[in-house]
Structures are given as C-alpha cells and as structure tokens.
Amino acid sequence: MIPLLSNLNILGGDVKHIWTDLPKPMPTPTRTDANERGTERRTVALPARLTWKDQRGTTRFATVVARNVSDFGVFVECQSPVSIPLFRLVQFQFERDAREIDVPHMQHGRVLSAVYRVSPPVGSRPQGLALRLMVEPRRQAVQEQTRATA
C-alpha cells in the first residue's frame, strides 16, 4: 500500500510528498451529424479521368468513378490501384457523358487538382483519392458571366 503522505529527508531538508488524484481522462469526442463544410457535397457515381505526370515526367492516366463532388473538391475511386503521391497535381475531368453535373467549372473540361488524401483499397472497397480543386468557384462564375455578356 502506498502512503498518502510521507516525509523524506533529502540533503538535510524535509520534503513532503502528497498523493494527488490523476487528471480525469479527456472525454471521448462525439460525432455530430451537422455538416460543417463550406459548400454542399453531392453524392454522384459518374465516370471520370485523372491525368498526371509521374516522377520521371511520363504522362499517366486512370479511369475513375467520382463518388461525391463539391465546389472545392471531389472524391474518386480507382478500380485498379494507382501510385499517386500526396500533393501531386493532377488534371481531373468528367467523361463526356457525365458533364451535365451542376458544377460550372467542371462542365468545360479539365480542372487542375491536388491529391490531399489517399485511401488504400480495403477488402472489396477500391482505392480512393480525395482531390482539392484548384479553382475559385465564385471568381470562375463571375468570369463566365462576363464572357457570356461580352
């Protein structure tokens, strides 16, 4: 049994040790159902294509399926795993049949994007890539309206 209070003589002086309670554990974070995103994320299942250059400068491409999309990003799944490192710049575009999606800067072709999360394949779930779209949606919409009226 550990004494709660004891006196020790160290280098000629008395030192009192007092047993204190350990700090309380941090509460477990609770998941909220509130969407804290800046823009709405839309669930889709549309064919798309990624194009990038590998470390040797060779152009690579992959056929993917876009699973959700917002004004700032898109999450895609690759049926066959690809080796794209984090923060690599890639060109993202929907296939011609899928360009009717309601994201103005994605209807006209390729969008420069950066890979910011890579999810490895697990079981039957394919590899996933989260892409940050390198556009400013508000500015892009204003530019398109200006071109349309000019």
C-alpha atoms as a PDB file:
ATOM      1  CA  MET A   1       0.000   0.000   0.000  1.00  0.00           C
ATOM      2  CA  ILE A   2       1.325   3.456  -0.932  1.00  0.00           C
ATOM      3  CA  PRO A   3       1.305   6.017   1.881  1.00  0.00           C
ATOM      4  CA  LEU A   4      -0.723   9.128   1.130  1.00  0.00           C
ATOM      5  CA  LEU A   5       1.670  11.443   2.965  1.00  0.00           C
ATOM      6  CA  SER A   6       5.300  10.780   3.807  1.00  0.00           C
ATOM      7  CA  ASN A   7       8.286  12.796   4.988  1.00  0.00           C
ATOM      8  CA  LEU A   8      11.643  12.171   3.355  1.00  0.00           C
ATOM      9  CA  ASN A   9      14.954  13.634   4.406  1.00  0.00           C
ATOM     10  CA  ILE A  10      16.853  14.537   1.233  1.00  0.00           C
ATOM     11  CA  LEU A  11      20.054  16.564   1.540  1.00  0.00           C
ATOM     12  CA  GLY A  12      19.141  17.647   5.036  1.00  0.00           C
ATOM     13  CA  GLY A  13      15.708  19.106   4.235  1.00  0.00           C
ATOM     14  CA  ASP A  14      12.263  17.683   4.734  1.00  0.00           C
ATOM     15  CA  VAL A  15      10.239  17.090   1.557  1.00  0.00           C
ATOM     16  CA  LYS A  16       6.572  16.293   1.798  1.00  0.00           C
ATOM     17  CA  HIS A  17       5.063  14.128  -0.886  1.00  0.00           C
ATOM     18  CA  ILE A  18       1.323  14.372  -1.227  1.00  0.00           C
ATOM     19  CA  TRP A  19      -0.579  11.881  -3.317  1.00  0.00           C
ATOM     20  CA  THR A  20      -2.881  13.659  -5.700  1.00  0.00           C
ATOM     21  CA  ASP A  21      -5.547  12.302  -7.959  1.00  0.00           C
ATOM     22  CA  LEU A  22      -4.570  11.763 -11.554  1.00  0.00           C
ATOM     23  CA  PRO A  23      -6.182  14.127 -14.034  1.00  0.00           C
ATOM     24  CA  LYS A  24      -9.516  12.968 -15.361  1.00  0.00           C
ATOM     25  CA  PRO A  25      -9.350  11.407 -18.808  1.00  0.00           C
ATOM     26  CA  MET A  26     -10.406  13.538 -21.742  1.00  0.00           C
ATOM     27  CA  PRO A  27     -13.992  12.904 -22.783  1.00  0.00           C
ATOM     28  CA  THR A  28     -14.405  10.845 -25.912  1.00  0.00           C
ATOM     29  CA  PRO A  29     -15.252  13.102 -28.845  1.00  0.00           C
ATOM     30  CA  THR A  30     -18.795  12.675 -30.016  1.00  0.00           C
ATOM     31  CA  ARG A  31     -19.664  12.704 -33.677  1.00  0.00           C
ATOM     32  CA  THR A  32     -22.195  15.288 -34.712  1.00  0.00           C
ATOM     33  CA  ASP A  33     -24.412  14.915 -37.711  1.00  0.00           C
ATOM     34  CA  ALA A  34     -24.077  18.604 -38.546  1.00  0.00           C
ATOM     35  CA  ASN A  35     -22.376  19.276 -41.881  1.00  0.00           C
ATOM     36  CA  GLU A  36     -19.599  21.762 -41.163  1.00  0.00           C
ATOM     37  CA  ARG A  37     -18.497  22.045 -44.789  1.00  0.00           C
ATOM     38  CA  GLY A  38     -18.425  25.394 -46.552  1.00  0.00           C
ATOM     39  CA  THR A  39     -20.308  24.071 -49.585  1.00  0.00           C
ATOM     40  CA  GLU A  40     -22.748  21.282 -50.233  1.00  0.00           C
ATOM     41  CA  ARG A  41     -21.310  17.885 -51.147  1.00  0.00           C
ATOM     42  CA  ARG A  42     -23.331  15.981 -53.748  1.00  0.00           C
ATOM     43  CA  THR A  43     -23.291  12.201 -53.956  1.00  0.00           C
ATOM     44  CA  VAL A  44     -22.744  11.019 -57.526  1.00  0.00           C
ATOM     45  CA  ALA A  45     -21.495   7.980 -59.427  1.00  0.00           C
ATOM     46  CA  LEU A  46     -20.004   9.442 -62.602  1.00  0.00           C
ATOM     47  CA  PRO A  47     -17.148   8.196 -64.796  1.00  0.00           C
ATOM     48  CA  ALA A  48     -14.129  10.482 -64.848  1.00  0.00           C
ATOM     49  CA  ARG A  49     -10.451  10.540 -65.789  1.00  0.00           C
ATOM     50  CA  LEU A  50      -7.270  11.603 -63.990  1.00  0.00           C
ATOM     51  CA  THR A  51      -4.150  12.665 -65.864  1.00  0.00           C
ATOM     52  CA  TRP A  52      -0.784  13.385 -64.194  1.00  0.00           C
ATOM     53  CA  LYS A  53       2.949  13.173 -64.725  1.00  0.00           C
ATOM     54  CA  ASP A  54       4.942  10.682 -62.672  1.00  0.00           C
ATOM     55  CA  GLN A  55       8.352  11.389 -61.108  1.00  0.00           C
ATOM     56  CA  ARG A  56      10.060  10.673 -64.456  1.00  0.00           C
ATOM     57  CA  GLY A  57       7.825  13.089 -66.358  1.00  0.00           C
ATOM     58  CA  THR A  58       5.816  10.377 -68.103  1.00  0.00           C
ATOM     59  CA  THR A  59       2.148  11.225 -68.585  1.00  0.00           C
ATOM     60  CA  ARG A  60      -0.128   8.762 -66.781  1.00  0.00           C
ATOM     61  CA  PHE A  61      -3.878   8.446 -66.678  1.00  0.00           C
ATOM     62  CA  ALA A  62      -6.503   6.486 -64.799  1.00  0.00           C
ATOM     63  CA  THR A  63     -10.197   5.898 -65.277  1.00  0.00           C
ATOM     64  CA  VAL A  64     -12.036   6.574 -62.023  1.00  0.00           C
ATOM     65  CA  VAL A  65     -15.555   6.925 -60.651  1.00  0.00           C
ATOM     66  CA  ALA A  66     -16.432  10.193 -58.918  1.00  0.00           C
ATOM     67  CA  ARG A  67     -18.384   9.382 -55.747  1.00  0.00           C
ATOM     68  CA  ASN A  68     -19.046  12.861 -54.384  1.00  0.00           C
ATOM     69  CA  VAL A  69     -18.337  16.359 -55.550  1.00  0.00           C
ATOM     70  CA  SER A  70     -18.491  19.892 -54.168  1.00  0.00           C
ATOM     71  CA  ASP A  71     -17.391  23.317 -55.374  1.00  0.00           C
ATOM     72  CA  PHE A  72     -13.916  22.758 -53.880  1.00  0.00           C
ATOM     73  CA  GLY A  73     -13.260  19.038 -54.118  1.00  0.00           C
ATOM     74  CA  VAL A  74     -14.107  15.619 -55.412  1.00  0.00           C
ATOM     75  CA  PHE A  75     -13.641  12.081 -54.085  1.00  0.00           C
ATOM     76  CA  VAL A  76     -12.890   9.409 -56.662  1.00  0.00           C
ATOM     77  CA  GLU A  77     -12.473   5.632 -56.540  1.00  0.00           C
ATOM     78  CA  CYS A  78      -9.977   3.765 -58.728  1.00  0.00           C
ATOM     79  CA  GLN A  79     -10.885   0.235 -59.760  1.00  0.00           C
ATOM     80  CA  SER A  80      -7.198  -0.601 -60.195  1.00  0.00           C
ATOM     81  CA  PRO A  81      -4.771   0.922 -57.660  1.00  0.00           C
ATOM     82  CA  VAL A  82      -2.616   3.807 -58.874  1.00  0.00           C
ATOM     83  CA  SER A  83       0.562   5.227 -57.415  1.00  0.00           C
ATOM     84  CA  ILE A  84      -0.102   8.941 -56.983  1.00  0.00           C
ATOM     85  CA  PRO A  85       1.667  10.599 -54.039  1.00  0.00           C
ATOM     86  CA  LEU A  86       0.057  13.179 -51.791  1.00  0.00           C
ATOM     87  CA  PHE A  87       0.022  16.760 -53.072  1.00  0.00           C
ATOM     88  CA  ARG A  88       0.659  15.655 -56.673  1.00  0.00           C
ATOM     89  CA  LEU A  89      -1.073  17.903 -59.183  1.00  0.00           C
ATOM     90  CA  VAL A  90      -3.497  16.036 -61.426  1.00  0.00           C
ATOM     91  CA  GLN A  91      -5.931  17.026 -64.145  1.00  0.00           C
ATOM     92  CA  PHE A  92      -9.468  15.895 -63.338  1.00  0.00           C
ATOM     93  CA  GLN A  93     -12.261  15.711 -65.879  1.00  0.00           C
ATOM     94  CA  PHE A  94     -15.613  14.008 -66.197  1.00  0.00           C
ATOM     95  CA  GLU A  95     -16.139  11.759 -69.200  1.00  0.00           C
ATOM     96  CA  ARG A  96     -18.214  13.367 -71.966  1.00  0.00           C
ATOM     97  CA  ASP A  97     -21.399  11.517 -70.972  1.00  0.00           C
ATOM     98  CA  ALA A  98     -21.167  12.801 -67.379  1.00  0.00           C
ATOM     99  CA  ARG A  99     -20.619  16.540 -67.922  1.00  0.00           C
ATOM    100  CA  GLU A 100     -24.181  17.546 -67.103  1.00  0.00           C
ATOM    101  CA  ILE A 101     -23.314  17.839 -63.388  1.00  0.00           C
ATOM    102  CA  ASP A 102     -24.181  21.178 -61.808  1.00  0.00           C
ATOM    103  CA  VAL A 103     -20.650  22.426 -61.056  1.00  0.00           C
ATOM    104  CA  PRO A 104     -19.902  25.275 -63.510  1.00  0.00           C
ATOM    105  CA  HIS A 105     -16.102  24.981 -63.643  1.00  0.00           C
ATOM    106  CA  MET A 106     -16.297  21.230 -64.316  1.00  0.00           C
ATOM    107  CA  GLN A 107     -18.538  21.366 -67.380  1.00  0.00           C
ATOM    108  CA  HIS A 108     -15.883  22.670 -69.760  1.00  0.00           C
ATOM    109  CA  GLY A 109     -13.173  20.050 -69.414  1.00  0.00           C
ATOM    110  CA  ARG A 110     -10.148  19.595 -67.198  1.00  0.00           C
ATOM    111  CA  VAL A 111      -9.705  21.081 -63.750  1.00  0.00           C
ATOM    112  CA  LEU A 112      -6.293  21.256 -62.083  1.00  0.00           C
ATOM    113  CA  SER A 113      -6.469  19.453 -58.734  1.00  0.00           C
ATOM    114  CA  ALA A 114      -4.178  18.363 -55.907  1.00  0.00           C
ATOM    115  CA  VAL A 115      -4.298  14.962 -54.217  1.00  0.00           C
ATOM    116  CA  TYR A 116      -4.768  15.563 -50.493  1.00  0.00           C
ATOM    117  CA  ARG A 117      -5.840  12.125 -49.231  1.00  0.00           C
ATOM    118  CA  VAL A 118      -5.195   8.603 -50.474  1.00  0.00           C
ATOM    119  CA  SER A 119      -7.272   5.718 -49.094  1.00  0.00           C
ATOM    120  CA  PRO A 120      -5.788   2.277 -49.802  1.00  0.00           C
ATOM    121  CA  PRO A 121      -8.058  -0.498 -51.068  1.00  0.00           C
ATOM    122  CA  VAL A 122      -9.631  -2.468 -48.227  1.00  0.00           C
ATOM    123  CA  GLY A 123     -11.380  -5.747 -48.945  1.00  0.00           C
ATOM    124  CA  SER A 124     -13.789  -5.165 -51.812  1.00  0.00           C
ATOM    125  CA  ARG A 125     -13.618  -1.373 -51.447  1.00  0.00           C
ATOM    126  CA  PRO A 126     -11.407   0.199 -54.144  1.00  0.00           C
ATOM    127  CA  GLN A 127      -8.645   2.753 -53.646  1.00  0.00           C
ATOM    128  CA  GLY A 128      -9.930   6.277 -53.065  1.00  0.00           C
ATOM    129  CA  LEU A 129      -8.424   9.685 -53.763  1.00  0.00           C
ATOM    130  CA  ALA A 130      -9.625  12.992 -52.374  1.00  0.00           C
ATOM    131  CA  LEU A 131      -8.852  15.869 -54.733  1.00  0.00           C
ATOM    132  CA  ARG A 132      -8.814  19.575 -53.947  1.00  0.00           C
ATOM    133  CA  LEU A 133      -9.939  21.548 -56.994  1.00  0.00           C
ATOM    134  CA  MET A 134      -7.584  24.417 -57.755  1.00  0.00           C
ATOM    135  CA  VAL A 135     -10.287  26.935 -58.704  1.00  0.00           C
ATOM    136  CA  GLU A 136     -12.086  29.758 -57.020  1.00  0.00           C
ATOM    137  CA  PRO A 137     -15.746  28.963 -57.764  1.00  0.00           C
ATOM    138  CA  ARG A 138     -17.087  32.476 -57.134  1.00  0.00           C
ATOM    139  CA  ARG A 139     -14.454  34.120 -59.331  1.00  0.00           C
ATOM    140  CA  GLN A 140     -14.939  31.470 -62.024  1.00  0.00           C
ATOM    141  CA  ALA A 141     -18.710  32.054 -62.082  1.00  0.00           C
ATOM    142  CA  VAL A 142     -18.194  35.822 -62.419  1.00  0.00           C
ATOM    143  CA  GLN A 143     -15.723  35.330 -65.289  1.00  0.00           C
ATOM    144  CA  GLU A 144     -18.157  33.051 -67.123  1.00  0.00           C
ATOM    145  CA  GLN A 145     -20.978  35.594 -66.750  1.00  0.00           C
ATOM    146  CA  THR A 146     -18.668  38.349 -68.035  1.00  0.00           C
ATOM    147  CA  ARG A 147     -17.711  36.279 -71.091  1.00  0.00           C
ATOM    148  CA  ALA A 148     -21.364  35.484 -71.799  1.00  0.00           C
ATOM    149  CA  THR A 149     -22.384  39.173 -71.803  1.00  0.00           C
ATOM    150  CA  ALA A 150     -19.349  40.456 -73.757  1.00  0.00           C
END
